[in-house]
N, C-alpha and C. Protein backbone atom coordinates (compact mmCIF):
# COMPACT_ATOMS: atom_id res chain seq x y z
N MET A 1 71.71 117.55 110.83
CA MET A 1 72.44 117.57 109.86
C MET A 1 73.80 118.87 109.61
N GLY A 2 74.73 118.87 110.18
CA GLY A 2 75.14 119.97 109.69
C GLY A 2 76.24 119.97 108.26
N SER A 3 76.83 120.78 108.00
CA SER A 3 77.72 121.01 107.06
C SER A 3 78.65 120.43 106.55
N ALA A 4 79.29 120.01 107.70
CA ALA A 4 80.16 119.88 107.92
C ALA A 4 80.24 118.09 107.67
N SER A 5 79.07 117.37 107.67
CA SER A 5 78.91 116.02 107.55
C SER A 5 79.44 115.39 106.23
N TRP A 6 80.30 114.65 106.55
CA TRP A 6 80.80 113.27 105.25
C TRP A 6 79.24 113.04 104.43
N ALA A 7 78.35 113.05 105.15
CA ALA A 7 76.82 112.31 103.88
C ALA A 7 76.39 113.96 103.34
N SER A 8 75.78 113.58 102.32
CA SER A 8 75.44 114.18 101.39
C SER A 8 73.84 114.25 101.93
N SER A 9 73.34 113.49 102.79
CA SER A 9 72.21 113.63 103.23
C SER A 9 71.63 113.03 104.34
N ALA A 10 70.64 112.81 104.68
CA ALA A 10 70.48 112.22 106.18
C ALA A 10 69.62 111.13 105.94
N GLY A 11 69.66 110.74 104.71
CA GLY A 11 69.41 109.37 103.93
C GLY A 11 71.08 108.77 103.38
N VAL A 12 71.39 109.42 103.28
CA VAL A 12 72.73 108.60 103.15
C VAL A 12 73.43 108.35 104.33
N ALA A 13 73.48 109.04 105.08
CA ALA A 13 73.79 108.91 106.37
C ALA A 13 73.44 107.45 107.50
N ARG A 14 72.16 107.38 106.89
CA ARG A 14 71.19 106.30 107.76
C ARG A 14 72.08 105.18 106.77
N SER A 15 71.71 105.48 105.36
CA SER A 15 72.47 103.80 105.04
C SER A 15 73.64 103.50 105.28
N MET A 16 75.05 104.71 105.14
CA MET A 16 76.32 104.51 105.42
C MET A 16 76.38 103.66 107.27
N ARG A 17 75.31 104.67 107.81
CA ARG A 17 75.63 103.46 109.36
C ARG A 17 75.02 101.93 109.38
N SER A 18 74.09 102.12 108.57
CA SER A 18 73.61 100.49 108.76
C SER A 18 74.75 99.51 107.90
N ASN A 19 75.67 99.94 107.20
CA ASN A 19 76.31 99.03 106.85
C ASN A 19 77.17 98.09 107.97
N ARG A 20 77.09 96.67 107.62
CA ARG A 20 78.21 95.92 108.61
C ARG A 20 79.44 95.62 108.47
N ARG A 21 80.35 96.12 109.64
CA ARG A 21 81.56 95.47 108.99
C ARG A 21 82.00 93.77 109.13
N ARG A 22 80.62 93.44 109.84
CA ARG A 22 81.26 91.71 109.65
C ARG A 22 80.09 91.17 110.02
N ASP A 23 80.40 90.19 109.28
CA ASP A 23 78.78 88.80 109.46
C ASP A 23 77.79 89.40 108.13
N THR A 24 78.23 89.98 106.79
CA THR A 24 77.75 90.29 105.55
C THR A 24 76.82 89.15 105.45
N GLY A 25 76.32 89.43 104.35
CA GLY A 25 75.54 88.18 103.37
C GLY A 25 76.47 87.62 102.41
N PRO A 26 77.29 88.01 101.85
CA PRO A 26 78.83 87.43 100.90
C PRO A 26 79.82 86.35 102.20
N GLU A 27 79.47 87.39 103.25
CA GLU A 27 80.47 86.43 104.47
C GLU A 27 79.62 84.98 104.78
N LEU A 28 78.40 85.25 104.96
CA LEU A 28 77.62 84.48 105.70
C LEU A 28 77.41 83.05 104.61
N ALA A 29 77.58 83.42 103.30
CA ALA A 29 77.10 82.66 102.53
C ALA A 29 78.61 81.54 102.15
N VAL A 30 79.59 82.57 102.03
CA VAL A 30 80.96 81.53 102.00
C VAL A 30 80.95 80.59 103.12
N ARG A 31 81.27 81.84 104.67
CA ARG A 31 81.14 80.55 105.82
C ARG A 31 80.12 79.46 105.81
N ARG A 32 78.82 79.29 105.13
CA ARG A 32 78.07 78.29 105.69
C ARG A 32 78.77 77.17 103.85
N GLU A 33 79.47 77.65 103.61
CA GLU A 33 79.79 76.64 102.39
C GLU A 33 81.20 76.10 102.99
N LEU A 34 82.02 76.87 103.31
CA LEU A 34 83.23 76.01 103.82
C LEU A 34 82.88 75.19 105.16
N HIS A 35 81.81 76.04 106.80
CA HIS A 35 81.58 74.84 107.09
C HIS A 35 81.24 73.39 106.78
N ARG A 36 80.09 73.36 105.51
CA ARG A 36 79.41 72.53 104.89
C ARG A 36 80.38 71.34 104.49
N ARG A 37 81.70 71.92 104.37
CA ARG A 37 82.62 71.00 103.58
C ARG A 37 83.26 70.60 104.52
N GLY A 38 83.43 71.22 105.83
CA GLY A 38 84.25 70.24 107.06
C GLY A 38 85.09 71.26 107.59
N LEU A 39 85.21 72.25 106.99
CA LEU A 39 86.40 73.53 107.67
C LEU A 39 86.20 73.94 108.26
N ARG A 40 86.94 74.01 109.38
CA ARG A 40 86.57 75.14 110.41
C ARG A 40 87.97 76.09 110.50
N TYR A 41 87.09 77.24 111.37
CA TYR A 41 88.16 78.72 110.81
C TYR A 41 87.53 79.50 111.61
N ARG A 42 88.06 80.88 112.47
CA ARG A 42 87.78 81.76 113.02
C ARG A 42 87.55 82.64 112.50
N VAL A 43 86.64 83.86 113.15
CA VAL A 43 85.76 84.82 112.68
C VAL A 43 86.53 85.84 112.79
N ASP A 44 86.23 87.01 111.77
CA ASP A 44 87.08 88.55 112.20
C ASP A 44 87.88 88.52 113.34
N LEU A 45 89.32 88.29 113.09
CA LEU A 45 90.26 87.85 113.56
C LEU A 45 91.26 88.90 112.94
N ARG A 46 92.16 88.91 114.18
CA ARG A 46 93.56 89.47 114.08
C ARG A 46 94.29 88.73 113.39
N PRO A 47 94.69 88.26 112.16
CA PRO A 47 95.74 87.49 112.20
C PRO A 47 96.98 87.41 112.68
N VAL A 48 97.13 88.64 112.64
CA VAL A 48 98.62 88.98 113.49
C VAL A 48 98.33 90.01 114.28
N ALA A 49 98.89 90.08 115.66
CA ALA A 49 97.95 90.59 116.75
C ALA A 49 98.85 92.27 116.73
N HIS A 50 99.68 92.42 116.51
CA HIS A 50 100.48 94.09 115.64
C HIS A 50 99.92 95.02 114.63
N LEU A 51 99.51 93.86 113.97
CA LEU A 51 98.64 94.74 112.56
C LEU A 51 97.47 95.00 112.64
N ARG A 52 97.03 96.24 112.68
CA ARG A 52 95.78 96.52 112.98
C ARG A 52 94.26 96.39 111.47
N THR A 53 94.42 94.77 111.50
CA THR A 53 93.64 94.37 110.40
C THR A 53 92.90 92.98 111.03
N ARG A 54 91.23 93.00 110.19
CA ARG A 54 90.91 91.87 111.25
C ARG A 54 90.23 91.33 109.42
N ALA A 55 91.01 90.06 109.63
CA ALA A 55 90.33 89.04 108.28
C ALA A 55 88.58 88.49 109.03
N ASP A 56 88.34 88.47 107.79
CA ASP A 56 86.88 87.96 107.52
C ASP A 56 86.89 86.54 108.06
N ILE A 57 87.61 85.95 107.39
CA ILE A 57 88.12 84.10 108.03
C ILE A 57 89.47 83.94 107.78
N VAL A 58 89.65 83.39 108.83
CA VAL A 58 91.22 83.07 109.32
C VAL A 58 91.19 81.83 109.69
N PHE A 59 92.22 80.82 109.13
CA PHE A 59 92.66 79.45 109.42
C PHE A 59 94.09 79.67 110.06
N THR A 60 94.09 79.92 111.41
CA THR A 60 94.82 79.85 112.24
C THR A 60 96.20 78.89 111.74
N ARG A 61 95.65 77.69 111.88
CA ARG A 61 97.31 76.54 111.48
C ARG A 61 97.66 76.68 110.10
N GLN A 62 96.94 77.03 109.17
CA GLN A 62 97.52 77.50 108.16
C GLN A 62 97.81 78.61 107.91
N ARG A 63 97.83 79.60 108.67
CA ARG A 63 98.35 80.88 108.43
C ARG A 63 97.45 81.36 106.90
N ILE A 64 96.07 81.19 107.27
CA ILE A 64 95.35 82.03 105.93
C ILE A 64 94.50 82.61 106.39
N ALA A 65 94.78 83.71 105.65
CA ALA A 65 93.50 85.25 106.34
C ALA A 65 92.65 85.43 104.89
N VAL A 66 91.48 85.53 104.33
CA VAL A 66 90.88 85.23 104.07
C VAL A 66 89.51 86.84 104.01
N TYR A 67 89.94 87.45 102.44
CA TYR A 67 89.05 88.86 103.05
C TYR A 67 87.60 88.56 101.85
N ILE A 68 86.77 89.31 101.99
CA ILE A 68 85.36 89.21 101.03
C ILE A 68 85.38 90.59 100.80
N ASP A 69 85.64 91.24 100.02
CA ASP A 69 85.67 92.37 99.96
C ASP A 69 84.61 93.02 99.39
N GLY A 70 83.90 93.88 99.55
CA GLY A 70 82.95 94.82 98.85
C GLY A 70 83.19 95.95 98.01
N CYS A 71 82.38 95.43 96.99
CA CYS A 71 82.72 96.01 95.61
C CYS A 71 82.68 97.89 95.80
N PHE A 72 81.90 98.44 96.36
CA PHE A 72 82.49 99.89 96.58
C PHE A 72 83.43 99.97 97.24
N TRP A 73 83.50 99.47 98.70
CA TRP A 73 84.77 100.20 99.55
C TRP A 73 85.85 99.42 99.07
N HIS A 74 86.04 98.93 98.40
CA HIS A 74 87.75 98.36 97.87
C HIS A 74 87.82 98.49 96.59
N GLY A 75 86.98 99.27 95.60
CA GLY A 75 87.22 99.36 94.63
C GLY A 75 87.10 98.32 93.18
N CYS A 76 86.28 97.35 93.28
CA CYS A 76 86.02 96.41 92.30
C CYS A 76 86.45 96.78 90.89
N PRO A 77 87.03 96.34 90.28
CA PRO A 77 87.42 96.83 88.58
C PRO A 77 86.28 96.77 87.99
N VAL A 78 85.06 96.08 88.16
CA VAL A 78 83.73 95.43 87.80
C VAL A 78 82.98 96.20 88.73
N HIS A 79 82.73 95.97 89.26
CA HIS A 79 81.53 96.58 90.19
C HIS A 79 81.99 97.86 91.14
N GLY A 80 82.54 98.02 91.27
CA GLY A 80 82.65 99.52 92.06
C GLY A 80 82.64 101.01 91.26
N THR A 81 81.75 101.53 92.09
CA THR A 81 81.11 102.99 91.56
C THR A 81 81.97 103.66 92.17
N SER A 82 82.26 105.16 91.62
CA SER A 82 82.88 106.28 91.83
C SER A 82 82.02 107.30 92.52
N PRO A 83 81.56 107.60 93.49
CA PRO A 83 80.82 108.65 94.81
C PRO A 83 80.71 109.63 93.85
N THR A 84 79.34 110.34 93.40
CA THR A 84 79.28 111.90 92.68
C THR A 84 79.22 113.12 93.80
N SER A 85 78.38 112.47 94.58
CA SER A 85 77.80 113.26 95.94
C SER A 85 79.08 113.42 96.81
N ASN A 86 79.49 114.40 97.32
CA ASN A 86 80.69 114.59 98.13
C ASN A 86 81.78 113.82 98.21
N ALA A 87 82.29 113.90 96.77
CA ALA A 87 83.02 113.01 96.25
C ALA A 87 84.99 113.58 96.88
N SER A 88 84.89 115.07 96.60
CA SER A 88 85.84 115.15 97.99
C SER A 88 86.36 114.37 98.82
N TYR A 89 84.95 114.13 99.24
CA TYR A 89 85.22 112.94 100.88
C TYR A 89 85.43 111.61 100.35
N TRP A 90 84.74 111.02 99.44
CA TRP A 90 84.87 109.64 99.43
C TRP A 90 85.81 109.29 98.71
N LEU A 91 86.58 109.53 97.65
CA LEU A 91 87.59 109.17 96.49
C LEU A 91 88.58 109.58 97.34
N PRO A 92 89.02 110.12 98.16
CA PRO A 92 90.36 109.90 98.70
C PRO A 92 90.28 108.35 99.83
N LYS A 93 89.04 108.50 100.51
CA LYS A 93 88.67 107.47 101.51
C LYS A 93 88.82 106.04 100.74
N LEU A 94 87.93 105.64 99.92
CA LEU A 94 88.28 104.59 98.94
C LEU A 94 89.85 104.49 98.18
N GLN A 95 90.40 105.65 97.81
CA GLN A 95 91.70 104.97 97.54
C GLN A 95 92.43 104.97 98.27
N ALA A 96 92.50 104.99 99.75
CA ALA A 96 92.92 104.67 100.89
C ALA A 96 92.61 103.41 101.76
N ASN A 97 91.25 102.74 101.50
CA ASN A 97 91.43 100.96 101.47
C ASN A 97 91.71 100.65 100.56
N LYS A 98 92.01 101.13 99.62
CA LYS A 98 92.66 99.99 98.21
C LYS A 98 94.24 100.40 98.82
N GLU A 99 94.53 101.44 99.37
CA GLU A 99 96.27 101.26 99.88
C GLU A 99 96.62 100.69 100.91
N ARG A 100 95.23 100.60 102.35
CA ARG A 100 95.40 99.85 102.80
C ARG A 100 95.53 98.37 102.69
N ASP A 101 94.65 98.01 101.88
CA ASP A 101 94.60 96.44 101.40
C ASP A 101 95.70 95.98 100.87
N ALA A 102 96.23 97.11 100.04
CA ALA A 102 97.67 96.16 99.31
C ALA A 102 98.81 96.06 100.31
N ALA A 103 98.99 97.00 101.13
CA ALA A 103 99.66 97.17 102.72
C ALA A 103 99.63 95.96 103.50
N VAL A 104 98.09 95.57 103.50
CA VAL A 104 97.57 94.32 104.20
C VAL A 104 98.53 93.37 103.90
N ASN A 105 98.14 92.89 102.74
CA ASN A 105 98.65 91.92 102.23
C ASN A 105 100.20 91.62 102.19
N VAL A 106 100.77 92.40 101.79
CA VAL A 106 102.33 92.87 101.61
C VAL A 106 102.58 92.31 103.63
N ALA A 107 102.16 92.91 104.36
CA ALA A 107 102.62 92.93 105.65
C ALA A 107 102.50 91.43 106.25
N LEU A 108 101.28 91.04 105.70
CA LEU A 108 100.81 89.09 106.52
C LEU A 108 102.46 88.08 105.68
N GLY A 109 101.88 88.56 104.39
CA GLY A 109 102.72 87.73 103.50
C GLY A 109 104.36 87.90 104.14
N GLU A 110 105.02 89.22 104.74
CA GLU A 110 106.32 89.09 105.08
C GLU A 110 106.32 88.29 106.21
N VAL A 111 105.70 87.68 107.12
CA VAL A 111 105.37 87.20 108.39
C VAL A 111 104.85 85.62 107.97
N GLY A 112 104.57 85.67 106.90
CA GLY A 112 104.70 83.56 106.56
C GLY A 112 102.68 83.89 106.32
N TRP A 113 102.15 84.90 106.05
CA TRP A 113 100.42 84.34 106.00
C TRP A 113 100.59 84.41 104.37
N THR A 114 99.15 83.51 104.25
CA THR A 114 98.78 83.27 102.77
C THR A 114 97.51 84.31 103.13
N VAL A 115 97.31 85.59 102.01
CA VAL A 115 96.15 86.33 102.17
C VAL A 115 95.19 86.06 101.06
N LEU A 116 93.71 85.63 100.66
CA LEU A 116 93.13 85.54 99.66
C LEU A 116 91.87 86.50 99.91
N ARG A 117 91.73 87.26 98.69
CA ARG A 117 90.86 88.10 98.75
C ARG A 117 90.02 87.75 97.64
N PHE A 118 88.48 87.94 97.73
CA PHE A 118 87.60 87.63 96.87
C PHE A 118 86.62 88.91 96.83
N TRP A 119 85.97 88.88 96.11
CA TRP A 119 84.50 89.97 96.10
C TRP A 119 83.30 89.37 96.49
N GLU A 120 82.69 90.29 96.94
CA GLU A 120 81.43 90.47 97.37
C GLU A 120 80.43 89.35 96.35
N HIS A 121 80.79 89.87 94.93
CA HIS A 121 80.25 89.24 93.85
C HIS A 121 80.45 88.00 93.65
N GLU A 122 81.44 87.73 93.84
CA GLU A 122 81.84 85.80 94.00
C GLU A 122 80.56 85.06 94.18
N THR A 123 80.82 84.09 93.85
CA THR A 123 79.76 82.77 94.13
C THR A 123 80.40 82.51 95.46
N PRO A 124 79.61 82.15 95.95
CA PRO A 124 80.03 81.50 97.03
C PRO A 124 80.93 80.05 97.11
N THR A 125 80.39 79.28 96.50
CA THR A 125 80.78 78.03 96.26
C THR A 125 82.13 78.73 95.08
N SER A 126 82.48 78.98 94.48
CA SER A 126 84.02 79.33 94.00
C SER A 126 84.99 79.87 94.94
N VAL A 127 84.21 80.49 95.91
CA VAL A 127 85.72 81.48 96.72
C VAL A 127 85.51 79.81 97.71
N ALA A 128 84.77 79.32 98.04
CA ALA A 128 84.76 78.22 98.99
C ALA A 128 85.56 77.10 98.23
N ASP A 129 85.76 76.82 96.66
CA ASP A 129 86.73 76.12 96.05
C ASP A 129 88.26 76.55 96.27
N ALA A 130 88.48 78.11 95.79
CA ALA A 130 90.07 78.33 96.25
C ALA A 130 90.36 78.47 97.49
N VAL A 131 89.70 78.39 98.83
CA VAL A 131 89.89 78.74 99.92
C VAL A 131 90.01 76.96 99.99
N GLU A 132 89.40 76.33 99.99
CA GLU A 132 89.57 74.71 100.43
C GLU A 132 90.92 74.49 99.56
N ALA A 133 91.27 74.77 98.56
CA ALA A 133 92.38 74.11 97.69
C ALA A 133 93.42 74.31 98.20
N ALA A 134 93.35 76.05 98.86
CA ALA A 134 94.93 76.56 99.74
C ALA A 134 94.84 76.09 101.16
N VAL A 135 93.68 75.99 101.88
CA VAL A 135 93.47 75.02 103.19
C VAL A 135 93.96 73.89 103.11
N ARG A 136 93.81 73.31 102.03
CA ARG A 136 93.82 71.06 102.09
C ARG A 136 94.53 71.17 100.39
N PRO A 137 95.85 72.07 100.68
CA PRO A 137 96.79 71.63 98.94
C PRO A 137 96.42 70.14 98.54
């Protein structure tokens, strides 16, 4: 591993590479609960073709995009942590994630979509309650 790497060690590199983009534990738990309630949805889909964002759960007819955000990656005010190793790389990256999330919310809202964002630590039942309330008003 060279000194130009984003990872501070081989272990960190291995750990970060193993992070999933989709089908995380929190996503699967929410999807199971929504399916149990009879809700049908699309998974890992671009709500709008010209926007570079993929929602975790999408209700196309209702135009609802659901994101289950990781506490570290999206800066949870309760559980988010600031990296201490290689902070000059990670802090701007994490800040850019937050800015991109806000821009996606605005862009989808401007074309008539409802964006629902939840943290990975929220219970699947409470997330499903909120999603169901939006899908079945």
